Amino acid sequence: MRDELISAIRDALTAVGVPSPDVVELERPGRREHGAFSTNVALASAKAAGRPPRELAADLVARLEADPPPFVQRVEVAGPGFVNFHLDDAWLHQVLRSVVDAGESWGSGTAGTGSRVLVEYVSANPTGPVHAGHARGAVYGDSLARILRAVGHEVDEEFYVNDRGVQMQVFAASLAARAAGEEPPEGGYQGDYITEWAAEMPADADPLTWGEARALLDQREVLGELGVSFDDWFSERRMVHTGAIDTTLEDLRARGVVDDADGAVWLRSTEFGDDKDRVLVKSDGEVTYLLPDIAYHRDKFARGYDLLVDVWGADHHGYVPRMRAAIEALGHDPASFEVVITQLVRLERGGEEVRISKRSGDLITLRDLIGEVGPDAVRLTYLLQSVDSPQTVDLDVVVAQSNENPVYYVQMANARLRSIDRVAAERGLERLPLASVDLSVLVAERELEVLRVLELLPEVVELAARERAPHKVTTWVRDLAAAVHGFYHDCPVLHPDTPDELRQARWWLAAAASTGLQVGLELLGVSAPEQL
């Protein structure tokens, strides 16, 4: 419908002798009485046309009324020069047919076709279980990858294993101490999992090697329970063994962007927008965290990706400018590197905060959280709002079997829709082919609202992909669930008093709505059960 209207607007501009702009804005008015769509094209083009906006808008309306696009009932001038389109309800009936025809591909697009994207997320240190705080980045990264694929991008997902450095030595020393029946060293890891894993560790095992393997096994398992998997678990030590870190430093030297001063090696990152130059190799010869990270991203680009999307925790915010400077220093467009910062999550139970700390031992693992509320609840709850704002999660609400629980509310909407088929089968009722069903009988506001929400999905998915915002899909799913609950309550499908013609149309509407819910939930990695 949007494409039809935009095409008609461009034709009308040409007919009145006004060049069509590169982009024709088409918005949805906040109030339904103002129409289904509205454009500001007369305001945007008035200066170039040398005409008052309302006058130009009036000419456009005249042209559009003379040769109206399909389903357009009325076109009007509004305000200082907006053009509003009022549509016949039949356009929404066509939406139903489009959803049924598209099936699981409803909402998909082609905006990302030809682009290779690597999404790196979670990347927790291999020093213990993934905790509940990591879950936000995990479900965000996985859902973002799903959405990017839906608009045509070729997407890979990667976990960066930071298995080199001091924290690994401290972790190994903590395991060794517990295995010997001693307290971990000062600053070591205190969690119960250290004691449990130390008891599993063979007496002749190297605590570093065995501990890393044990942590990665645990992380893979629990993320798998959440529906999160990766194309590669990229080891930092792998780069050490292949010489990639040394090669990266040589590359930077060849590009003339490093200096040797005070016995250290510096990246001249201020030349690329950073607030100060950064040390790559310290005076004692030890590389800083930055150099392996640069080598890692250099490797990503070498693998042919057009866009790198990194999902980092809130404590890495200050690291972004230096990494972007390093990307540019390597000769890459900084726009090909994006960082999404996930803000902290506060877990509450009984009104009290539940603290998360891997080292102190105050640890709610992701495994614990999944065991308590289930993977669907974890995923949808963490995707309710934008990751760039802090989030508070009330565990008591998440486990409640009530409409206050957004997961239950959405899944119950789909279960209600799917129950129609089961009950119909029990009664021996048959749904006719859609082509033979008269959809014009769908005129009730509850019916039309379901269709209005369904029509939005392709637009929502494209926006969520462009803005890296899976929560927009979550909002859409909840809106559709609300419309479905209203429809189910007020528009009986199988009631004996429902005329057969209306029953068939509503039955197909229920099927289309279920398709929409399943597509939306799949983009979020949440199941759509047929029964609850």
Protein backbone atom coordinates (compact mmCIF):
# COMPACT_ATOMS: atom_id res chain seq x y z
CA MET A 1 0.00 0.00 0.00
CA ARG A 2 2.80 2.40 0.86
CA ASP A 3 4.51 1.72 -2.47
CA GLU A 4 1.23 2.31 -4.33
CA LEU A 5 0.66 5.63 -2.59
CA ILE A 6 4.25 6.84 -3.03
CA SER A 7 4.09 6.00 -6.72
CA ALA A 8 0.81 7.90 -7.07
CA ILE A 9 2.27 10.92 -5.24
CA ARG A 10 5.28 11.00 -7.58
CA ASP A 11 2.95 10.83 -10.60
CA ALA A 12 0.87 13.69 -9.21
CA LEU A 13 3.97 15.84 -8.65
CA THR A 14 5.07 15.24 -12.22
CA ALA A 15 1.60 16.13 -13.48
CA VAL A 16 1.68 19.52 -11.73
CA GLY A 17 5.20 20.24 -12.97
CA VAL A 18 7.08 19.73 -9.70
CA PRO A 19 10.21 17.52 -9.52
CA SER A 20 9.73 14.49 -7.31
CA PRO A 21 12.11 14.43 -4.30
CA ASP A 22 14.48 11.52 -3.74
CA VAL A 23 12.43 10.46 -0.74
CA VAL A 24 8.67 10.84 -0.40
CA GLU A 25 7.79 10.73 3.28
CA LEU A 26 4.62 8.80 4.12
CA GLU A 27 3.59 8.72 7.75
CA ARG A 28 0.72 7.28 9.75
CA PRO A 29 -1.32 10.02 11.46
CA GLY A 30 -1.59 9.76 15.21
CA ARG A 31 -5.39 10.03 14.99
CA ARG A 32 -7.37 7.70 12.77
CA GLU A 33 -9.82 10.43 11.69
CA HIS A 34 -6.90 12.03 9.86
CA GLY A 35 -6.64 9.05 7.55
CA ALA A 36 -4.51 5.94 7.17
CA PHE A 37 -1.49 7.73 5.68
CA SER A 38 -0.26 11.30 5.37
CA THR A 39 2.52 12.94 3.35
CA ASN A 40 4.36 16.25 3.83
CA VAL A 41 5.58 16.27 0.24
CA ALA A 42 3.84 19.59 -0.54
CA LEU A 43 5.62 21.24 2.39
CA ALA A 44 8.94 19.70 1.39
CA SER A 45 8.59 20.69 -2.30
CA ALA A 46 6.96 24.11 -1.96
CA LYS A 47 10.19 26.10 -2.00
CA ALA A 48 11.55 24.36 -5.10
CA ALA A 49 8.15 24.77 -6.79
CA GLY A 50 7.90 28.44 -5.80
CA ARG A 51 4.38 27.94 -4.52
CA PRO A 52 2.59 28.08 -1.14
CA PRO A 53 2.44 24.62 0.44
CA ARG A 54 -1.37 24.50 0.81
CA GLU A 55 -1.84 25.58 -2.78
CA LEU A 56 0.51 22.87 -4.01
CA ALA A 57 -1.19 20.34 -1.73
CA ALA A 58 -4.58 21.27 -3.16
CA ASP A 59 -3.31 20.68 -6.71
CA LEU A 60 -1.90 17.31 -5.69
CA VAL A 61 -5.21 16.33 -4.08
CA ALA A 62 -7.06 17.26 -7.28
CA ARG A 63 -4.76 15.06 -9.34
CA LEU A 64 -4.97 12.18 -6.89
CA GLU A 65 -8.78 12.36 -6.77
CA ALA A 66 -8.95 12.37 -10.57
CA ASP A 67 -6.98 9.11 -10.74
CA PRO A 68 -7.10 7.61 -7.24
CA PRO A 69 -4.78 4.75 -6.25
CA PRO A 70 -6.44 1.44 -5.32
CA PHE A 71 -8.52 1.48 -2.11
CA VAL A 72 -8.31 5.28 -1.71
CA GLN A 73 -11.71 6.66 -0.68
CA ARG A 74 -10.78 10.27 -0.14
CA VAL A 75 -7.77 12.60 -0.23
CA GLU A 76 -7.69 15.88 1.68
CA VAL A 77 -5.47 18.83 2.49
CA ALA A 78 -4.73 19.20 6.19
CA GLY A 79 -2.94 21.83 8.27
CA PRO A 80 -0.25 23.90 6.54
CA GLY A 81 -0.05 21.54 3.56
CA PHE A 82 -0.22 17.89 4.52
CA VAL A 83 -2.03 15.49 2.22
CA ASN A 84 -4.07 12.82 4.03
CA PHE A 85 -5.28 9.57 2.50
CA HIS A 86 -8.46 7.86 3.70
CA LEU A 87 -8.67 4.23 2.60
CA ASP A 88 -11.45 1.74 2.12
CA ASP A 89 -11.40 -1.18 4.57
CA ALA A 90 -10.87 -3.47 1.58
CA TRP A 91 -7.17 -2.61 1.66
CA LEU A 92 -6.93 -4.37 5.00
CA HIS A 93 -8.67 -7.41 3.58
CA GLN A 94 -5.91 -7.51 0.99
CA VAL A 95 -3.40 -7.48 3.87
CA LEU A 96 -4.95 -10.71 5.13
CA ARG A 97 -4.47 -12.34 1.74
CA SER A 98 -0.88 -11.10 1.59
CA VAL A 99 -0.08 -12.56 5.02
CA VAL A 100 -1.52 -15.93 4.09
CA ASP A 101 0.31 -15.96 0.76
CA ALA A 102 3.63 -15.01 2.39
CA GLY A 103 3.33 -17.36 5.36
CA GLU A 104 6.54 -17.53 7.39
CA SER A 105 8.20 -14.97 5.10
CA TRP A 106 5.69 -12.25 6.04
CA GLY A 107 7.63 -9.23 7.25
CA SER A 108 10.82 -10.15 5.39
CA GLY A 109 12.54 -7.69 3.07
CA THR A 110 15.53 -7.13 0.81
CA ALA A 111 17.10 -3.95 2.21
CA GLY A 112 20.25 -5.82 3.32
CA THR A 113 20.74 -8.00 0.26
CA GLY A 114 24.39 -8.29 -0.74
CA SER A 115 25.79 -7.24 2.65
CA ARG A 116 27.82 -9.53 4.93
CA VAL A 117 27.54 -8.79 8.64
CA LEU A 118 29.36 -10.27 11.63
CA VAL A 119 27.61 -9.85 14.98
CA GLU A 120 29.87 -10.48 17.96
CA TYR A 121 28.20 -10.71 21.35
CA VAL A 122 28.32 -12.14 24.87
CA SER A 123 32.11 -12.74 24.71
CA ALA A 124 32.24 -13.42 28.44
CA ASN A 125 35.60 -14.35 29.90
CA PRO A 126 36.04 -18.14 30.17
CA THR A 127 36.41 -17.87 33.92
CA GLY A 128 33.02 -19.13 35.01
CA PRO A 129 29.37 -19.61 34.06
CA VAL A 130 27.44 -17.07 32.05
CA HIS A 131 25.50 -15.10 34.63
CA ALA A 132 22.06 -13.51 34.44
CA GLY A 133 23.56 -10.15 33.55
CA HIS A 134 25.04 -11.58 30.35
CA ALA A 135 21.59 -12.68 29.18
CA ARG A 136 20.61 -9.25 27.95
CA GLY A 137 23.46 -9.09 25.46
CA ALA A 138 22.93 -12.72 24.50
CA VAL A 139 19.28 -12.42 23.55
CA TYR A 140 19.83 -9.01 21.97
CA GLY A 141 22.66 -10.24 19.74
CA ASP A 142 20.80 -13.37 18.70
CA SER A 143 17.58 -11.50 17.92
CA LEU A 144 19.44 -8.77 16.04
CA ALA A 145 21.07 -11.44 13.86
CA ARG A 146 17.65 -12.95 13.12
CA ILE A 147 16.22 -9.56 12.16
CA LEU A 148 19.18 -8.65 9.96
CA ARG A 149 18.76 -11.95 8.12
CA ALA A 150 15.05 -11.21 7.67
CA VAL A 151 15.89 -8.10 5.62
CA GLY A 152 18.42 -9.89 3.44
CA HIS A 153 21.80 -9.54 5.17
CA GLU A 154 24.14 -12.51 5.24
CA VAL A 155 24.89 -12.79 8.96
CA ASP A 156 27.38 -14.74 11.03
CA GLU A 157 27.48 -14.78 14.83
CA GLU A 158 30.65 -14.98 16.89
CA PHE A 159 31.77 -15.29 20.51
CA TYR A 160 35.20 -13.83 21.26
CA VAL A 161 36.98 -15.96 23.85
CA ASN A 162 39.25 -13.68 25.88
CA ASP A 163 41.48 -16.52 27.04
CA ARG A 164 44.73 -14.61 27.40
CA GLY A 165 45.68 -12.38 30.28
CA VAL A 166 45.76 -11.94 34.02
CA GLN A 167 42.16 -12.94 34.68
CA MET A 168 42.82 -16.41 33.29
CA GLN A 169 45.80 -16.86 35.60
CA VAL A 170 43.71 -15.78 38.59
CA PHE A 171 40.94 -18.18 37.58
CA ALA A 172 43.41 -21.09 37.25
CA ALA A 173 44.99 -20.24 40.61
CA SER A 174 41.52 -20.18 42.23
CA LEU A 175 40.72 -23.64 40.85
CA ALA A 176 44.07 -25.01 41.98
CA ALA A 177 43.62 -23.60 45.47
CA ARG A 178 40.15 -25.10 45.91
CA ALA A 179 41.40 -28.45 44.57
CA ALA A 180 44.07 -28.40 47.28
CA GLY A 181 41.47 -27.54 49.94
CA GLU A 182 42.72 -23.96 50.28
CA GLU A 183 41.15 -20.53 49.97
CA PRO A 184 41.53 -18.80 46.56
CA PRO A 185 44.26 -16.15 46.41
CA GLU A 186 43.51 -12.52 47.18
CA GLY A 187 41.37 -11.12 44.37
CA GLY A 188 40.53 -14.64 43.21
CA TYR A 189 37.21 -16.17 42.26
CA GLN A 190 34.99 -17.09 45.21
CA GLY A 191 31.87 -18.54 43.60
CA ASP A 192 30.50 -21.96 44.54
CA TYR A 193 31.14 -23.06 40.99
CA ILE A 194 34.91 -22.82 41.66
CA THR A 195 34.59 -25.40 44.42
CA GLU A 196 32.35 -27.63 42.28
CA TRP A 197 34.61 -27.49 39.25
CA ALA A 198 37.75 -28.02 41.31
CA ALA A 199 36.20 -31.23 42.63
CA GLU A 200 35.65 -32.38 39.02
CA MET A 201 39.18 -31.50 37.86
CA PRO A 202 41.52 -34.50 37.47
CA ALA A 203 44.51 -34.38 39.81
CA ASP A 204 46.98 -34.26 36.94
CA ALA A 205 45.10 -31.62 34.91
CA ASP A 206 46.52 -28.21 34.10
CA PRO A 207 44.09 -25.83 35.89
CA LEU A 208 44.39 -23.21 33.12
CA THR A 209 43.69 -25.53 30.19
CA TRP A 210 41.13 -27.67 31.99
CA GLY A 211 39.42 -24.65 33.58
CA GLU A 212 39.00 -22.84 30.27
CA ALA A 213 37.55 -25.96 28.61
CA ARG A 214 35.15 -26.46 31.55
CA ALA A 215 33.98 -22.85 31.46
CA LEU A 216 33.44 -22.90 27.70
CA LEU A 217 31.51 -26.16 27.92
CA ASP A 218 29.22 -24.65 30.53
CA GLN A 219 28.77 -21.45 28.53
CA ARG A 220 27.95 -23.33 25.31
CA GLU A 221 25.41 -25.52 27.08
CA VAL A 222 23.52 -22.76 28.84
CA LEU A 223 23.48 -20.42 25.86
CA GLY A 224 22.17 -23.34 23.81
CA GLU A 225 19.33 -23.72 26.32
CA LEU A 226 18.52 -20.06 25.62
CA GLY A 227 18.46 -20.74 21.88
CA VAL A 228 21.73 -18.91 21.26
CA SER A 229 24.44 -20.48 19.12
CA PHE A 230 27.52 -19.16 17.35
CA ASP A 231 29.19 -19.84 14.03
CA ASP A 232 32.57 -19.52 15.72
CA TRP A 233 34.07 -19.23 19.19
CA PHE A 234 37.13 -17.15 18.31
CA SER A 235 40.05 -17.65 20.70
CA GLU A 236 42.39 -14.79 21.53
CA ARG A 237 45.16 -17.31 22.15
CA ARG A 238 44.63 -18.54 18.61
CA MET A 239 45.91 -15.17 17.40
CA VAL A 240 48.96 -15.47 19.62
CA HIS A 241 49.82 -18.86 18.16
CA THR A 242 49.32 -17.75 14.54
CA GLY A 243 51.32 -14.56 14.99
CA ALA A 244 48.31 -12.41 14.07
CA ILE A 245 49.03 -9.94 16.88
CA ASP A 246 52.61 -9.36 15.70
CA THR A 247 51.43 -9.07 12.10
CA THR A 248 48.86 -6.48 13.11
CA LEU A 249 51.52 -4.37 14.80
CA GLU A 250 53.68 -4.61 11.66
CA ASP A 251 50.70 -3.50 9.58
CA LEU A 252 50.14 -0.47 11.79
CA ARG A 253 53.83 0.43 11.58
CA ALA A 254 53.74 0.16 7.80
CA ARG A 255 50.81 2.55 7.79
CA GLY A 256 52.81 5.05 9.82
CA VAL A 257 50.34 5.30 12.69
CA VAL A 258 52.47 4.08 15.62
CA ASP A 259 55.28 5.72 17.58
CA ASP A 260 57.95 4.38 19.93
CA ALA A 261 58.26 6.54 23.04
CA ASP A 262 59.28 6.01 26.66
CA GLY A 263 60.12 2.40 25.86
CA ALA A 264 56.54 1.68 24.77
CA VAL A 265 54.72 1.44 21.43
CA TRP A 266 51.86 3.88 20.92
CA LEU A 267 48.97 4.08 18.46
CA ARG A 268 48.48 7.66 17.28
CA SER A 269 44.75 7.33 17.81
CA THR A 270 44.26 11.08 18.30
CA GLU A 271 44.67 11.40 14.53
CA PHE A 272 41.46 9.42 14.20
CA GLY A 273 39.26 11.14 16.77
CA ASP A 274 40.37 9.54 20.05
CA ASP A 275 41.02 11.85 23.02
CA LYS A 276 44.58 10.58 23.52
CA ASP A 277 47.10 8.20 21.99
CA ARG A 278 46.98 4.63 23.25
CA VAL A 279 49.68 2.20 24.35
CA LEU A 280 49.86 -0.99 22.31
CA VAL A 281 52.97 -2.53 23.87
CA LYS A 282 54.09 -1.56 27.38
CA SER A 283 57.69 -0.80 28.29
CA ASP A 284 58.09 -4.30 29.75
CA GLY A 285 57.17 -5.80 26.36
CA GLU A 286 53.70 -6.94 27.41
CA VAL A 287 50.95 -6.11 24.94
CA THR A 288 47.93 -4.19 26.23
CA TYR A 289 44.34 -5.34 25.78
CA LEU A 290 43.98 -3.01 22.80
CA LEU A 291 46.46 -4.66 20.43
CA PRO A 292 44.83 -8.14 20.44
CA ASP A 293 41.46 -6.46 20.00
CA ILE A 294 42.78 -4.59 16.97
CA ALA A 295 44.20 -7.85 15.59
CA TYR A 296 40.83 -9.53 16.12
CA HIS A 297 38.95 -6.86 14.19
CA ARG A 298 41.60 -6.86 11.48
CA ASP A 299 40.92 -10.58 11.13
CA LYS A 300 37.17 -9.93 10.87
CA PHE A 301 37.63 -7.56 7.95
CA ALA A 302 40.06 -10.00 6.32
CA ARG A 303 37.24 -12.55 6.30
CA GLY A 304 35.25 -10.28 3.99
CA TYR A 305 32.60 -8.75 6.22
CA ASP A 306 31.10 -5.42 5.15
CA LEU A 307 29.82 -4.52 8.62
CA LEU A 308 31.00 -5.45 12.10
CA VAL A 309 28.48 -5.14 14.93
CA ASP A 310 29.92 -5.61 18.43
CA VAL A 311 27.61 -5.92 21.44
CA TRP A 312 29.45 -4.76 24.55
CA GLY A 313 28.54 -4.25 28.20
CA ALA A 314 28.04 -0.88 29.85
CA ASP A 315 31.54 -0.91 31.35
CA HIS A 316 33.07 -0.77 27.84
CA HIS A 317 31.56 2.54 26.82
CA GLY A 318 34.85 4.43 27.01
CA TYR A 319 36.55 1.79 24.87
CA VAL A 320 34.51 2.60 21.75
CA PRO A 321 36.40 5.72 20.50
CA ARG A 322 39.82 4.04 20.67
CA MET A 323 38.54 0.94 18.87
CA ARG A 324 36.91 3.03 16.17
CA ALA A 325 40.15 4.98 15.80
CA ALA A 326 42.04 1.71 15.42
CA ILE A 327 39.61 0.56 12.72
CA GLU A 328 40.28 3.73 10.75
CA ALA A 329 44.03 3.42 11.37
CA LEU A 330 43.85 0.01 9.68
CA GLY A 331 42.43 1.71 6.61
CA HIS A 332 38.79 0.78 7.05
CA ASP A 333 35.75 3.04 6.97
CA PRO A 334 34.82 3.64 10.63
CA ALA A 335 31.16 3.47 9.56
CA SER A 336 31.69 -0.24 8.90
CA PHE A 337 32.17 -0.77 12.64
CA GLU A 338 29.29 -0.39 15.07
CA VAL A 339 29.15 -0.93 18.81
CA VAL A 340 25.93 -1.49 20.73
CA ILE A 341 26.28 -0.85 24.45
CA THR A 342 23.91 -2.85 26.63
CA GLN A 343 23.07 -1.13 29.88
CA LEU A 344 22.93 -2.93 33.22
CA VAL A 345 20.07 -5.12 34.39
CA ARG A 346 18.74 -5.02 37.93
CA LEU A 347 17.09 -8.24 39.06
CA GLU A 348 14.53 -8.05 41.84
CA ARG A 349 12.68 -10.65 43.85
CA GLY A 350 10.19 -9.72 46.52
CA GLY A 351 11.09 -6.08 46.03
CA GLU A 352 14.74 -6.69 46.87
CA GLU A 353 17.67 -6.50 44.45
CA VAL A 354 19.41 -9.76 43.58
CA ARG A 355 23.09 -9.03 43.11
CA ILE A 356 25.34 -10.53 40.44
CA SER A 357 29.10 -10.85 40.85
CA LYS A 358 31.19 -13.69 39.46
CA ARG A 359 34.19 -13.03 41.70
CA SER A 360 32.43 -12.35 44.99
CA GLY A 361 30.29 -15.45 44.73
CA ASP A 362 26.98 -13.52 44.72
CA LEU A 363 26.06 -15.19 41.46
CA ILE A 364 22.76 -15.86 39.72
CA THR A 365 23.81 -17.90 36.75
CA LEU A 366 21.94 -17.83 33.48
CA ARG A 367 21.29 -21.53 34.06
CA ASP A 368 19.57 -20.67 37.36
CA LEU A 369 17.50 -17.97 35.68
CA ILE A 370 16.40 -20.27 32.84
CA GLY A 371 15.55 -22.99 35.35
CA GLU A 372 13.37 -20.58 37.30
CA VAL A 373 11.46 -18.78 34.55
CA GLY A 374 12.18 -20.67 31.30
CA PRO A 375 14.08 -19.59 28.17
CA ASP A 376 11.08 -17.88 26.52
CA ALA A 377 10.52 -15.68 29.56
CA VAL A 378 14.20 -14.78 29.75
CA ARG A 379 14.32 -13.82 26.08
CA LEU A 380 11.14 -11.79 25.81
CA THR A 381 11.67 -10.05 29.13
CA TYR A 382 15.16 -8.87 28.17
CA LEU A 383 13.85 -7.70 24.78
CA LEU A 384 11.02 -5.58 26.15
CA GLN A 385 12.96 -2.32 25.95
CA SER A 386 15.93 -0.77 24.24
CA VAL A 387 19.27 -2.07 25.50
CA ASP A 388 20.61 1.47 25.73
CA SER A 389 18.57 2.09 28.89
CA PRO A 390 18.92 0.34 32.27
CA GLN A 391 16.38 -2.39 32.94
CA THR A 392 14.75 -3.73 36.07
CA VAL A 393 13.40 -7.27 35.93
CA ASP A 394 10.94 -8.42 38.58
CA LEU A 395 11.37 -12.19 38.74
CA ASP A 396 8.05 -12.58 40.55
CA VAL A 397 6.20 -11.06 37.57
CA VAL A 398 8.13 -13.09 35.01
CA VAL A 399 6.99 -16.40 36.54
CA ALA A 400 3.38 -15.31 37.09
CA GLN A 401 0.69 -16.99 34.97
CA SER A 402 -1.19 -13.74 34.43
CA ASN A 403 -1.54 -10.91 31.92
CA GLU A 404 1.04 -8.96 33.90
CA ASN A 405 3.58 -11.42 32.53
CA PRO A 406 4.24 -10.25 28.94
CA VAL A 407 5.41 -13.71 27.85
CA TYR A 408 2.25 -15.40 29.07
CA TYR A 409 0.12 -12.63 27.51
CA VAL A 410 1.67 -13.05 24.05
CA GLN A 411 1.84 -16.84 24.03
CA MET A 412 -1.75 -17.09 25.28
CA ALA A 413 -2.86 -14.99 22.31
CA ASN A 414 -1.39 -17.54 19.90
CA ALA A 415 -2.73 -20.47 21.92
CA ARG A 416 -6.23 -18.99 21.69
CA LEU A 417 -5.96 -18.65 17.93
CA ARG A 418 -4.65 -22.18 17.50
CA SER A 419 -7.43 -23.57 19.68
CA ILE A 420 -9.93 -22.57 16.97
CA ASP A 421 -8.56 -25.24 14.62
CA ARG A 422 -8.67 -27.91 17.32
CA VAL A 423 -12.25 -27.15 18.32
CA ALA A 424 -13.33 -26.95 14.67
CA ALA A 425 -11.80 -30.37 14.01
CA GLU A 426 -13.68 -31.80 17.00
CA ARG A 427 -16.94 -30.40 15.57
CA GLY A 428 -16.20 -31.61 12.06
CA LEU A 429 -16.08 -28.08 10.62
CA GLU A 430 -14.04 -27.35 7.50
CA ARG A 431 -12.28 -24.13 6.56
CA LEU A 432 -12.81 -23.19 2.92
CA PRO A 433 -9.96 -22.11 0.61
CA LEU A 434 -9.21 -18.42 1.09
CA ALA A 435 -9.87 -17.65 -2.56
CA SER A 436 -13.51 -18.62 -2.09
CA VAL A 437 -14.04 -16.67 1.13
CA ASP A 438 -15.71 -13.24 1.17
CA LEU A 439 -13.54 -11.04 3.39
CA SER A 440 -15.74 -7.96 2.95
CA VAL A 441 -17.77 -9.13 5.95
CA LEU A 442 -14.82 -8.24 8.20
CA VAL A 443 -15.98 -4.79 9.25
CA ALA A 444 -15.90 -4.91 13.06
CA GLU A 445 -13.31 -2.65 14.66
CA ARG A 446 -11.73 -5.58 16.52
CA GLU A 447 -11.24 -7.42 13.23
CA LEU A 448 -9.81 -4.42 11.41
CA GLU A 449 -7.42 -3.64 14.27
CA VAL A 450 -5.82 -7.07 13.96
CA LEU A 451 -5.27 -6.39 10.25
CA ARG A 452 -3.88 -2.90 10.88
CA VAL A 453 -1.24 -4.34 13.21
CA LEU A 454 -0.42 -7.22 10.84
CA GLU A 455 0.15 -4.76 8.00
CA LEU A 456 2.85 -2.99 10.00
CA LEU A 457 5.23 -5.95 10.36
CA PRO A 458 7.38 -5.46 7.20
CA GLU A 459 7.86 -1.82 8.13
CA VAL A 460 8.67 -2.69 11.75
CA VAL A 461 11.21 -5.36 10.79
CA GLU A 462 13.00 -3.03 8.40
CA LEU A 463 13.10 -0.29 11.05
CA ALA A 464 14.31 -2.72 13.73
CA ALA A 465 17.11 -3.85 11.42
CA ARG A 466 18.12 -0.33 10.45
CA GLU A 467 18.11 0.98 14.03
CA ARG A 468 19.51 -2.27 15.55
CA ALA A 469 16.40 -2.33 17.75
CA PRO A 470 14.83 -5.77 18.35
CA HIS A 471 12.60 -4.26 21.03
CA LYS A 472 10.54 -2.68 18.24
CA VAL A 473 9.55 -6.18 17.15
CA THR A 474 8.70 -7.00 20.77
CA THR A 475 6.42 -3.97 20.92
CA TRP A 476 4.74 -5.04 17.68
CA VAL A 477 4.20 -8.58 18.97
CA ARG A 478 2.59 -7.24 22.15
CA ASP A 479 0.38 -4.90 20.10
CA LEU A 480 -0.75 -7.80 17.93
CA ALA A 481 -1.40 -9.93 21.03
CA ALA A 482 -3.57 -7.15 22.48
CA ALA A 483 -5.54 -6.90 19.22
CA VAL A 484 -5.94 -10.70 19.14
CA HIS A 485 -7.26 -10.86 22.69
CA GLY A 486 -9.82 -8.18 21.84
CA PHE A 487 -10.84 -9.99 18.66
CA TYR A 488 -11.09 -13.37 20.40
CA HIS A 489 -13.30 -11.90 23.12
CA ASP A 490 -15.66 -9.86 20.92
CA CYS A 491 -15.70 -11.72 17.59
CA PRO A 492 -16.60 -15.40 18.11
CA VAL A 493 -15.52 -17.64 15.28
CA LEU A 494 -17.17 -20.97 16.04
CA HIS A 495 -20.21 -19.81 17.99
CA PRO A 496 -23.44 -21.35 16.61
CA ASP A 497 -24.90 -17.87 16.08
CA THR A 498 -21.99 -16.76 13.86
CA PRO A 499 -23.11 -16.88 10.20
CA ASP A 500 -21.05 -19.32 8.13
CA GLU A 501 -19.80 -16.59 5.77
CA LEU A 502 -18.52 -14.57 8.72
CA ARG A 503 -17.15 -17.68 10.41
CA GLN A 504 -14.99 -18.48 7.41
CA ALA A 505 -13.63 -14.94 7.16
CA ARG A 506 -12.88 -14.75 10.88
CA TRP A 507 -11.27 -18.19 10.79
CA TRP A 508 -8.86 -17.00 8.10
CA LEU A 509 -8.23 -13.82 10.07
CA ALA A 510 -7.30 -15.96 13.08
CA ALA A 511 -4.93 -18.01 10.90
CA ALA A 512 -3.24 -14.86 9.56
CA ALA A 513 -2.90 -13.43 13.06
CA SER A 514 -1.31 -16.66 14.27
CA THR A 515 1.14 -16.50 11.38
CA GLY A 516 2.04 -12.95 12.38
CA LEU A 517 2.60 -13.90 16.01
CA GLN A 518 4.75 -16.88 15.04
CA VAL A 519 6.88 -14.78 12.69
CA GLY A 520 7.35 -12.03 15.26
CA LEU A 521 8.19 -14.44 18.07
CA GLU A 522 10.63 -16.33 15.84
CA LEU A 523 12.51 -13.06 15.24
CA LEU A 524 12.78 -12.74 19.01
CA GLY A 525 13.76 -16.40 19.48
CA VAL A 526 10.62 -17.08 21.51
CA SER A 527 8.41 -20.12 20.94
CA ALA A 528 4.76 -19.87 19.91
CA PRO A 529 3.12 -22.85 21.64
CA GLU A 530 -0.27 -24.03 20.43
CA GLN A 531 -1.41 -24.76 23.98
CA LEU A 532 -0.56 -23.36 27.42
